[in-house]
Amino acid sequence: MPFIHDQPDPSLTPAQVRQLCRENKLPTPQTSGYAPGYAQANIVVLPLKYADDFRTFCQRNPVPCPLLGETAPGDPTVPSHLAKGSDIRTDCARYNIYEDGKRIANKTDIIDEWQPDSVAFFIGCSYSFEDALIKGGFGLRHQELNNMTPCYRTSVPLMRSGPIKGKMVVSMRPYPLEKVPEIVRITKPYARTHGEPVGWGPEGAKELGIEDVNGQKPTWGDPTVLKEGEVCVYWGCGVSPQQAVMDSELPGVYMSHEPGQMLVLDLKIEDVCQ
């Protein structure tokens, strides 16, 4: 049975959502449903010595790792075209901290972990196009059930860059099989937030190396409910780059957002359409 969480408040502005995160007052465990019409971003924070390889990794794998921007080394200020007056150390609800490829902590800020050579990268998130799906008449099961979006680790290898390697992670939303072409049409323009699905249904799951075709055993997130005639529809996911950094076992300390708890941007979703 899916776990039920509090409901998001869609009337909040991106700046108000970030303020709640900064004050550790966000009442939900994910940012899906907040600030409809605005983009959201995954984050990865690395030492400067890995920045070039990570940037190239994202450029070589644009579907799961669509890069929106990055900070200057040592400066925690989010670029103003993404989020005005935002500090990446505090403006996500929760963060994961890693050392040598292993998660060592989960915190509400990364002020103590931030270093003079830290660089934060911002990667598009599929939460960004969810408002377009809703406006197109396609509801979101994780919002209907008020639980976390299911995500899966796949067997699909990503193109390596230097020491950074990994496999694609996908998010999943269930829809009727006959509606998939319309789902593809709606989400395809949002290439900077993962774009169209990478697969659907049992055959798509098989190609991705996913054994759970019913949404009951996700790698991350909550189990979901498939109604009669529905299939799992999979999109590239911004957990891919942070999982790649873990899989690469890079020496040192690096950080990411907690999956599901994105940085909500001031960037309007139409500005990331292609």
C-alpha atoms as a PDB file:
ATOM      1  CA  MET A   1       0.000   0.000   0.000  1.00  0.00           C
ATOM      2  CA  PRO A   2       1.513   3.395  -0.975  1.00  0.00           C
ATOM      3  CA  PHE A   3       2.598   5.633   1.900  1.00  0.00           C
ATOM      4  CA  ILE A   4       0.571   8.847   2.211  1.00  0.00           C
ATOM      5  CA  HIS A   5       2.280  12.202   2.765  1.00  0.00           C
ATOM      6  CA  ASP A   6       1.110  15.793   3.270  1.00  0.00           C
ATOM      7  CA  GLN A   7      -0.192  17.724   0.261  1.00  0.00           C
ATOM      8  CA  PRO A   8       1.945  20.430  -1.433  1.00  0.00           C
ATOM      9  CA  ASP A   9       0.631  23.982  -1.686  1.00  0.00           C
ATOM     10  CA  PRO A  10       0.642  24.893  -5.413  1.00  0.00           C
ATOM     11  CA  SER A  11       0.031  28.595  -4.696  1.00  0.00           C
ATOM     12  CA  LEU A  12       3.526  29.178  -3.292  1.00  0.00           C
ATOM     13  CA  THR A  13       6.041  31.003  -5.469  1.00  0.00           C
ATOM     14  CA  PRO A  14       9.463  29.442  -6.143  1.00  0.00           C
ATOM     15  CA  ALA A  15      11.049  31.948  -3.733  1.00  0.00           C
ATOM     16  CA  GLN A  16       8.540  31.016  -1.027  1.00  0.00           C
ATOM     17  CA  VAL A  17       9.269  27.303  -1.485  1.00  0.00           C
ATOM     18  CA  ARG A  18      13.002  27.978  -1.203  1.00  0.00           C
ATOM     19  CA  GLN A  19      12.389  30.035   1.946  1.00  0.00           C
ATOM     20  CA  LEU A  20      10.505  27.116   3.517  1.00  0.00           C
ATOM     21  CA  CYS A  21      13.421  24.835   2.655  1.00  0.00           C
ATOM     22  CA  ARG A  22      15.884  27.325   4.117  1.00  0.00           C
ATOM     23  CA  GLU A  23      13.887  27.395   7.357  1.00  0.00           C
ATOM     24  CA  ASN A  24      13.439  23.595   7.411  1.00  0.00           C
ATOM     25  CA  LYS A  25       9.668  24.024   7.213  1.00  0.00           C
ATOM     26  CA  LEU A  26       8.749  22.300   3.932  1.00  0.00           C
ATOM     27  CA  PRO A  27       5.812  20.070   5.005  1.00  0.00           C
ATOM     28  CA  THR A  28       6.205  17.437   2.278  1.00  0.00           C
ATOM     29  CA  PRO A  29       9.025  14.994   1.417  1.00  0.00           C
ATOM     30  CA  GLN A  30       9.115  16.027  -2.254  1.00  0.00           C
ATOM     31  CA  THR A  31       8.763  19.209  -4.325  1.00  0.00           C
ATOM     32  CA  SER A  32       6.422  17.753  -6.961  1.00  0.00           C
ATOM     33  CA  GLY A  33       3.305  19.914  -7.064  1.00  0.00           C
ATOM     34  CA  TYR A  34       4.979  23.120  -5.904  1.00  0.00           C
ATOM     35  CA  ALA A  35       5.180  26.247  -8.113  1.00  0.00           C
ATOM     36  CA  PRO A  36       3.425  24.794 -11.197  1.00  0.00           C
ATOM     37  CA  GLY A  37       4.804  26.293 -14.399  1.00  0.00           C
ATOM     38  CA  TYR A  38       8.326  26.698 -13.020  1.00  0.00           C
ATOM     39  CA  ALA A  39      11.347  24.456 -13.562  1.00  0.00           C
ATOM     40  CA  GLN A  40      13.005  22.419 -10.823  1.00  0.00           C
ATOM     41  CA  ALA A  41      16.558  21.152 -10.645  1.00  0.00           C
ATOM     42  CA  ASN A  42      18.561  18.269  -9.260  1.00  0.00           C
ATOM     43  CA  ILE A  43      21.907  19.294  -7.791  1.00  0.00           C
ATOM     44  CA  VAL A  44      25.342  17.717  -7.531  1.00  0.00           C
ATOM     45  CA  VAL A  45      28.193  19.464  -5.692  1.00  0.00           C
ATOM     46  CA  LEU A  46      31.750  18.356  -6.490  1.00  0.00           C
ATOM     47  CA  PRO A  47      35.318  19.538  -5.887  1.00  0.00           C
ATOM     48  CA  LEU A  48      36.628  21.690  -8.727  1.00  0.00           C
ATOM     49  CA  LYS A  49      39.054  18.967  -9.853  1.00  0.00           C
ATOM     50  CA  TYR A  50      36.076  16.859 -11.044  1.00  0.00           C
ATOM     51  CA  ALA A  51      34.074  19.721 -12.572  1.00  0.00           C
ATOM     52  CA  ASP A  52      35.298  19.395 -16.169  1.00  0.00           C
ATOM     53  CA  ASP A  53      34.723  15.642 -16.266  1.00  0.00           C
ATOM     54  CA  PHE A  54      31.280  15.979 -14.678  1.00  0.00           C
ATOM     55  CA  ARG A  55      30.257  18.744 -17.084  1.00  0.00           C
ATOM     56  CA  THR A  56      31.347  16.583 -20.026  1.00  0.00           C
ATOM     57  CA  PHE A  57      29.518  13.586 -18.530  1.00  0.00           C
ATOM     58  CA  CYS A  58      26.284  15.597 -18.527  1.00  0.00           C
ATOM     59  CA  GLN A  59      26.881  16.847 -22.065  1.00  0.00           C
ATOM     60  CA  ARG A  60      27.447  13.286 -23.290  1.00  0.00           C
ATOM     61  CA  ASN A  61      24.277  12.050 -21.564  1.00  0.00           C
ATOM     62  CA  PRO A  62      21.745  14.859 -22.091  1.00  0.00           C
ATOM     63  CA  VAL A  63      18.574  12.798 -21.593  1.00  0.00           C
ATOM     64  CA  PRO A  64      19.156  11.784 -17.934  1.00  0.00           C
ATOM     65  CA  CYS A  65      21.601  14.644 -17.215  1.00  0.00           C
ATOM     66  CA  PRO A  66      20.328  17.858 -18.879  1.00  0.00           C
ATOM     67  CA  LEU A  67      22.637  20.542 -17.513  1.00  0.00           C
ATOM     68  CA  LEU A  68      20.968  23.894 -16.738  1.00  0.00           C
ATOM     69  CA  GLY A  69      23.917  25.685 -15.165  1.00  0.00           C
ATOM     70  CA  GLU A  70      26.590  25.711 -12.476  1.00  0.00           C
ATOM     71  CA  THR A  71      28.049  27.942  -9.786  1.00  0.00           C
ATOM     72  CA  ALA A  72      31.422  29.617  -9.828  1.00  0.00           C
ATOM     73  CA  PRO A  73      33.993  27.636  -7.790  1.00  0.00           C
ATOM     74  CA  GLY A  74      33.583  28.314  -4.082  1.00  0.00           C
ATOM     75  CA  ASP A  75      30.526  30.551  -4.572  1.00  0.00           C
ATOM     76  CA  PRO A  76      27.282  28.999  -3.239  1.00  0.00           C
ATOM     77  CA  THR A  77      25.130  31.624  -4.961  1.00  0.00           C
ATOM     78  CA  VAL A  78      22.796  30.059  -7.528  1.00  0.00           C
ATOM     79  CA  PRO A  79      23.098  31.822 -10.911  1.00  0.00           C
ATOM     80  CA  SER A  80      20.479  34.583 -10.942  1.00  0.00           C
ATOM     81  CA  HIS A  81      18.875  33.407 -14.198  1.00  0.00           C
ATOM     82  CA  LEU A  82      17.973  30.180 -12.374  1.00  0.00           C
ATOM     83  CA  ALA A  83      17.009  31.407  -8.893  1.00  0.00           C
ATOM     84  CA  LYS A  84      17.492  34.969  -7.703  1.00  0.00           C
ATOM     85  CA  GLY A  85      18.997  35.408  -4.238  1.00  0.00           C
ATOM     86  CA  SER A  86      19.328  31.659  -3.673  1.00  0.00           C
ATOM     87  CA  ASP A  87      22.049  29.880  -1.674  1.00  0.00           C
ATOM     88  CA  ILE A  88      22.532  26.302  -2.820  1.00  0.00           C
ATOM     89  CA  ARG A  89      23.764  25.287   0.649  1.00  0.00           C
ATOM     90  CA  THR A  90      20.343  25.887   2.227  1.00  0.00           C
ATOM     91  CA  ASP A  91      17.603  26.091  -0.413  1.00  0.00           C
ATOM     92  CA  CYS A  92      16.851  22.389  -0.934  1.00  0.00           C
ATOM     93  CA  ALA A  93      14.850  20.706   1.813  1.00  0.00           C
ATOM     94  CA  ARG A  94      17.401  17.945   2.419  1.00  0.00           C
ATOM     95  CA  TYR A  95      20.822  16.911   1.132  1.00  0.00           C
ATOM     96  CA  ASN A  96      22.855  13.737   0.894  1.00  0.00           C
ATOM     97  CA  ILE A  97      26.557  13.840   1.727  1.00  0.00           C
ATOM     98  CA  TYR A  98      28.914  11.268   0.225  1.00  0.00           C
ATOM     99  CA  GLU A  99      32.514  10.288   0.827  1.00  0.00           C
ATOM    100  CA  ASP A 100      34.499   7.982  -1.462  1.00  0.00           C
ATOM    101  CA  GLY A 101      31.301   6.776  -3.151  1.00  0.00           C
ATOM    102  CA  LYS A 102      29.300   6.066   0.015  1.00  0.00           C
ATOM    103  CA  ARG A 103      26.525   8.122   1.588  1.00  0.00           C
ATOM    104  CA  ILE A 104      27.651   9.207   5.032  1.00  0.00           C
ATOM    105  CA  ALA A 105      24.947  11.682   6.091  1.00  0.00           C
ATOM    106  CA  ASN A 106      21.583  13.259   5.298  1.00  0.00           C
ATOM    107  CA  LYS A 107      21.185  16.895   6.399  1.00  0.00           C
ATOM    108  CA  THR A 108      18.993  19.957   6.029  1.00  0.00           C
ATOM    109  CA  ASP A 109      21.898  22.100   4.782  1.00  0.00           C
ATOM    110  CA  ILE A 110      25.464  21.712   3.498  1.00  0.00           C
ATOM    111  CA  ILE A 111      26.978  24.842   5.023  1.00  0.00           C
ATOM    112  CA  ASP A 112      29.665  22.882   6.886  1.00  0.00           C
ATOM    113  CA  GLU A 113      30.463  20.676   3.875  1.00  0.00           C
ATOM    114  CA  TRP A 114      30.821  23.521   1.360  1.00  0.00           C
ATOM    115  CA  GLN A 115      34.465  24.161   0.451  1.00  0.00           C
ATOM    116  CA  PRO A 116      36.405  26.956  -1.313  1.00  0.00           C
ATOM    117  CA  ASP A 117      36.681  24.692  -4.386  1.00  0.00           C
ATOM    118  CA  SER A 118      33.071  23.411  -4.390  1.00  0.00           C
ATOM    119  CA  VAL A 119      31.104  23.652  -7.642  1.00  0.00           C
ATOM    120  CA  ALA A 120      27.337  23.028  -7.756  1.00  0.00           C
ATOM    121  CA  PHE A 121      25.718  21.729 -10.931  1.00  0.00           C
ATOM    122  CA  PHE A 122      22.001  22.134 -11.731  1.00  0.00           C
ATOM    123  CA  ILE A 123      20.325  19.397 -13.746  1.00  0.00           C
ATOM    124  CA  GLY A 124      16.787  19.587 -15.124  1.00  0.00           C
ATOM    125  CA  CYS A 125      14.037  17.607 -13.376  1.00  0.00           C
ATOM    126  CA  SER A 126      10.917  15.971 -14.818  1.00  0.00           C
ATOM    127  CA  TYR A 127       8.790  17.624 -12.112  1.00  0.00           C
ATOM    128  CA  SER A 128       9.125  20.639 -14.404  1.00  0.00           C
ATOM    129  CA  PHE A 129       6.820  19.249 -17.126  1.00  0.00           C
ATOM    130  CA  GLU A 130       4.224  17.778 -14.769  1.00  0.00           C
ATOM    131  CA  ASP A 131       2.080  20.917 -15.010  1.00  0.00           C
ATOM    132  CA  ALA A 132       1.972  20.462 -18.798  1.00  0.00           C
ATOM    133  CA  LEU A 133       0.762  16.875 -18.327  1.00  0.00           C
ATOM    134  CA  ILE A 134      -1.964  18.047 -15.940  1.00  0.00           C
ATOM    135  CA  LYS A 135      -3.067  20.779 -18.349  1.00  0.00           C
ATOM    136  CA  GLY A 136      -3.134  18.142 -21.106  1.00  0.00           C
ATOM    137  CA  GLY A 137      -5.613  16.104 -19.083  1.00  0.00           C
ATOM    138  CA  PHE A 138      -3.136  13.583 -17.668  1.00  0.00           C
ATOM    139  CA  GLY A 139      -3.106  13.337 -13.892  1.00  0.00           C
ATOM    140  CA  LEU A 140      -0.128  12.314 -11.803  1.00  0.00           C
ATOM    141  CA  ARG A 141      -0.577   9.186  -9.734  1.00  0.00           C
ATOM    142  CA  HIS A 142       2.041  10.186  -7.174  1.00  0.00           C
ATOM    143  CA  GLN A 143       0.130  13.427  -6.591  1.00  0.00           C
ATOM    144  CA  GLU A 144      -3.233  11.629  -6.497  1.00  0.00           C
ATOM    145  CA  LEU A 145      -1.864   9.214  -3.892  1.00  0.00           C
ATOM    146  CA  ASN A 146       0.244  11.966  -2.332  1.00  0.00           C
ATOM    147  CA  ASN A 147       3.376   9.853  -2.293  1.00  0.00           C
ATOM    148  CA  MET A 148       6.885   9.829  -3.758  1.00  0.00           C
ATOM    149  CA  THR A 149       7.576   9.367  -7.474  1.00  0.00           C
ATOM    150  CA  PRO A 150       8.903   5.844  -8.190  1.00  0.00           C
ATOM    151  CA  CYS A 151      12.411   5.727  -9.675  1.00  0.00           C
ATOM    152  CA  TYR A 152      14.427   2.782 -10.959  1.00  0.00           C
ATOM    153  CA  ARG A 153      18.057   2.007 -11.563  1.00  0.00           C
ATOM    154  CA  THR A 154      18.373   0.549 -15.083  1.00  0.00           C
ATOM    155  CA  SER A 155      21.000  -1.575 -16.825  1.00  0.00           C
ATOM    156  CA  VAL A 156      21.554   1.085 -19.522  1.00  0.00           C
ATOM    157  CA  PRO A 157      25.180   2.314 -19.419  1.00  0.00           C
ATOM    158  CA  LEU A 158      25.900   6.016 -19.723  1.00  0.00           C
ATOM    159  CA  MET A 159      28.802   7.462 -21.715  1.00  0.00           C
ATOM    160  CA  ARG A 160      31.832   7.814 -19.480  1.00  0.00           C
ATOM    161  CA  SER A 161      33.824  11.006 -18.904  1.00  0.00           C
ATOM    162  CA  GLY A 162      37.167  10.557 -17.180  1.00  0.00           C
ATOM    163  CA  PRO A 163      36.578   8.750 -13.886  1.00  0.00           C
ATOM    164  CA  ILE A 164      32.796   9.342 -13.953  1.00  0.00           C
ATOM    165  CA  LYS A 165      30.688   6.421 -15.127  1.00  0.00           C
ATOM    166  CA  GLY A 166      27.307   4.920 -14.333  1.00  0.00           C
ATOM    167  CA  LYS A 167      23.951   3.622 -15.506  1.00  0.00           C
ATOM    168  CA  MET A 168      20.765   5.502 -16.234  1.00  0.00           C
ATOM    169  CA  VAL A 169      18.120   6.043 -13.572  1.00  0.00           C
ATOM    170  CA  VAL A 170      14.517   6.594 -14.684  1.00  0.00           C
ATOM    171  CA  SER A 171      11.404   8.023 -13.050  1.00  0.00           C
ATOM    172  CA  MET A 172       8.049   6.340 -13.669  1.00  0.00           C
ATOM    173  CA  ARG A 173       4.452   7.500 -14.055  1.00  0.00           C
ATOM    174  CA  PRO A 174       1.592   5.154 -15.063  1.00  0.00           C
ATOM    175  CA  TYR A 175      -0.693   5.985 -18.006  1.00  0.00           C
ATOM    176  CA  PRO A 176      -3.082   4.100 -20.324  1.00  0.00           C
ATOM    177  CA  LEU A 177      -1.159   2.397 -23.118  1.00  0.00           C
ATOM    178  CA  GLU A 178      -3.266   4.042 -25.840  1.00  0.00           C
ATOM    179  CA  LYS A 179      -2.434   7.496 -24.430  1.00  0.00           C
ATOM    180  CA  VAL A 180       1.339   7.080 -24.616  1.00  0.00           C
ATOM    181  CA  PRO A 181       1.666   8.845 -28.027  1.00  0.00           C
ATOM    182  CA  GLU A 182      -0.018  11.916 -26.523  1.00  0.00           C
ATOM    183  CA  ILE A 183       2.224  11.708 -23.442  1.00  0.00           C
ATOM    184  CA  VAL A 184       5.235  11.654 -25.772  1.00  0.00           C
ATOM    185  CA  ARG A 185       3.895  14.679 -27.685  1.00  0.00           C
ATOM    186  CA  ILE A 186       3.381  16.724 -24.508  1.00  0.00           C
ATOM    187  CA  THR A 187       6.746  16.005 -22.885  1.00  0.00           C
ATOM    188  CA  LYS A 188       9.011  15.908 -25.953  1.00  0.00           C
ATOM    189  CA  PRO A 189       9.562  19.704 -26.073  1.00  0.00           C
ATOM    190  CA  TYR A 190      10.980  19.693 -22.528  1.00  0.00           C
ATOM    191  CA  ALA A 191      14.373  18.332 -23.548  1.00  0.00           C
ATOM    192  CA  ARG A 192      16.183  20.297 -20.808  1.00  0.00           C
ATOM    193  CA  THR A 193      14.069  18.527 -18.182  1.00  0.00           C
ATOM    194  CA  HIS A 194      14.402  14.981 -19.647  1.00  0.00           C
ATOM    195  CA  GLY A 195      11.941  15.342 -22.538  1.00  0.00           C
ATOM    196  CA  GLU A 196       9.956  12.410 -23.923  1.00  0.00           C
ATOM    197  CA  PRO A 197       9.840   8.953 -22.294  1.00  0.00           C
ATOM    198  CA  VAL A 198      12.698   6.513 -22.845  1.00  0.00           C
ATOM    199  CA  GLY A 199      10.378   3.486 -22.692  1.00  0.00           C
ATOM    200  CA  TRP A 200       7.021   2.153 -21.544  1.00  0.00           C
ATOM    201  CA  GLY A 201       5.194  -1.065 -20.820  1.00  0.00           C
ATOM    202  CA  PRO A 202       6.696  -4.511 -20.216  1.00  0.00           C
ATOM    203  CA  GLU A 203       8.832  -4.354 -23.370  1.00  0.00           C
ATOM    204  CA  GLY A 204      10.223  -0.979 -22.411  1.00  0.00           C
ATOM    205  CA  ALA A 205      10.964  -2.238 -18.910  1.00  0.00           C
ATOM    206  CA  LYS A 206      12.780  -5.240 -20.361  1.00  0.00           C
ATOM    207  CA  GLU A 207      14.932  -3.023 -22.590  1.00  0.00           C
ATOM    208  CA  LEU A 208      15.813  -0.885 -19.571  1.00  0.00           C
ATOM    209  CA  GLY A 209      16.605  -3.918 -17.406  1.00  0.00           C
ATOM    210  CA  ILE A 210      13.700  -3.291 -15.009  1.00  0.00           C
ATOM    211  CA  GLU A 211      12.065  -6.445 -13.641  1.00  0.00           C
ATOM    212  CA  ASP A 212       9.255  -4.733 -11.719  1.00  0.00           C
ATOM    213  CA  VAL A 213       6.656  -3.923 -14.407  1.00  0.00           C
ATOM    214  CA  ASN A 214       3.863  -3.071 -11.943  1.00  0.00           C
ATOM    215  CA  GLY A 215       5.386  -0.193 -10.011  1.00  0.00           C
ATOM    216  CA  GLN A 216       5.564  -2.109  -6.738  1.00  0.00           C
ATOM    217  CA  LYS A 217       9.304  -2.297  -6.066  1.00  0.00           C
ATOM    218  CA  PRO A 218      11.003   0.946  -7.119  1.00  0.00           C
ATOM    219  CA  THR A 219      14.665   1.518  -6.278  1.00  0.00           C
ATOM    220  CA  TRP A 220      13.723   4.930  -4.852  1.00  0.00           C
ATOM    221  CA  GLY A 221      10.383   6.499  -4.013  1.00  0.00           C
ATOM    222  CA  ASP A 222       7.096   4.819  -3.136  1.00  0.00           C
ATOM    223  CA  PRO A 223       5.199   1.933  -4.774  1.00  0.00           C
ATOM    224  CA  THR A 224       2.315   3.090  -6.940  1.00  0.00           C
ATOM    225  CA  VAL A 225      -0.991   1.745  -8.292  1.00  0.00           C
ATOM    226  CA  LEU A 226      -1.564   0.745 -11.919  1.00  0.00           C
ATOM    227  CA  LYS A 227      -5.193   0.826 -13.012  1.00  0.00           C
ATOM    228  CA  GLU A 228      -6.632  -1.472 -15.650  1.00  0.00           C
ATOM    229  CA  GLY A 229      -5.123  -0.756 -19.059  1.00  0.00           C
ATOM    230  CA  GLU A 230      -2.260   1.295 -17.670  1.00  0.00           C
ATOM    231  CA  VAL A 231       1.457   0.685 -18.182  1.00  0.00           C
ATOM    232  CA  CYS A 232       4.584   2.109 -16.585  1.00  0.00           C
ATOM    233  CA  VAL A 233       6.024   5.037 -18.554  1.00  0.00           C
ATOM    234  CA  TYR A 234       9.695   5.829 -17.921  1.00  0.00           C
ATOM    235  CA  TRP A 235      11.638   9.086 -18.238  1.00  0.00           C
ATOM    236  CA  GLY A 236      15.330   9.843 -17.805  1.00  0.00           C
ATOM    237  CA  CYS A 237      15.964  10.999 -14.242  1.00  0.00           C
ATOM    238  CA  GLY A 238      18.362  13.452 -12.615  1.00  0.00           C
ATOM    239  CA  VAL A 239      19.258  10.895  -9.949  1.00  0.00           C
ATOM    240  CA  SER A 240      21.444   9.413 -12.731  1.00  0.00           C
ATOM    241  CA  PRO A 241      24.392  11.814 -12.293  1.00  0.00           C
ATOM    242  CA  GLN A 242      24.468  11.602  -8.495  1.00  0.00           C
ATOM    243  CA  GLN A 243      24.281   7.812  -8.684  1.00  0.00           C
ATOM    244  CA  ALA A 244      27.081   7.877 -11.269  1.00  0.00           C
ATOM    245  CA  VAL A 245      29.264   9.872  -8.880  1.00  0.00           C
ATOM    246  CA  MET A 246      28.571   7.240  -6.201  1.00  0.00           C
ATOM    247  CA  ASP A 247      29.231   4.334  -8.559  1.00  0.00           C
ATOM    248  CA  SER A 248      32.509   5.943  -9.652  1.00  0.00           C
ATOM    249  CA  GLU A 249      33.689   5.986  -6.007  1.00  0.00           C
ATOM    250  CA  LEU A 250      35.366   9.337  -6.467  1.00  0.00           C
ATOM    251  CA  PRO A 251      37.759  10.103  -3.597  1.00  0.00           C
ATOM    252  CA  GLY A 252      36.631  12.958  -1.385  1.00  0.00           C
ATOM    253  CA  VAL A 253      33.406  14.539  -0.169  1.00  0.00           C
ATOM    254  CA  TYR A 254      30.581  15.621  -2.464  1.00  0.00           C
ATOM    255  CA  MET A 255      26.893  16.428  -2.041  1.00  0.00           C
ATOM    256  CA  SER A 256      23.506  16.194  -3.728  1.00  0.00           C
ATOM    257  CA  HIS A 257      19.867  16.934  -3.019  1.00  0.00           C
ATOM    258  CA  GLU A 258      17.801  14.188  -1.416  1.00  0.00           C
ATOM    259  CA  PRO A 259      15.920  12.478  -4.300  1.00  0.00           C
ATOM    260  CA  GLY A 260      12.521  14.110  -4.691  1.00  0.00           C
ATOM    261  CA  GLN A 261      13.541  17.316  -2.895  1.00  0.00           C
ATOM    262  CA  MET A 262      14.669  19.570  -5.706  1.00  0.00           C
ATOM    263  CA  LEU A 263      15.748  23.164  -5.966  1.00  0.00           C
ATOM    264  CA  VAL A 264      12.661  25.062  -7.192  1.00  0.00           C
ATOM    265  CA  LEU A 265      13.782  27.636  -9.773  1.00  0.00           C
ATOM    266  CA  ASP A 266      12.520  31.030 -10.918  1.00  0.00           C
ATOM    267  CA  LEU A 267      12.958  29.758 -14.488  1.00  0.00           C
ATOM    268  CA  LYS A 268       9.606  29.365 -16.221  1.00  0.00           C
ATOM    269  CA  ILE A 269       9.041  26.019 -17.851  1.00  0.00           C
ATOM    270  CA  GLU A 270       8.479  27.548 -21.293  1.00  0.00           C
ATOM    271  CA  ASP A 271      12.037  28.880 -21.077  1.00  0.00           C
ATOM    272  CA  VAL A 272      13.411  25.330 -21.041  1.00  0.00           C
ATOM    273  CA  CYS A 273      11.367  24.111 -24.008  1.00  0.00           C
ATOM    274  CA  GLN A 274      13.098  23.257 -27.266  1.00  0.00           C
END
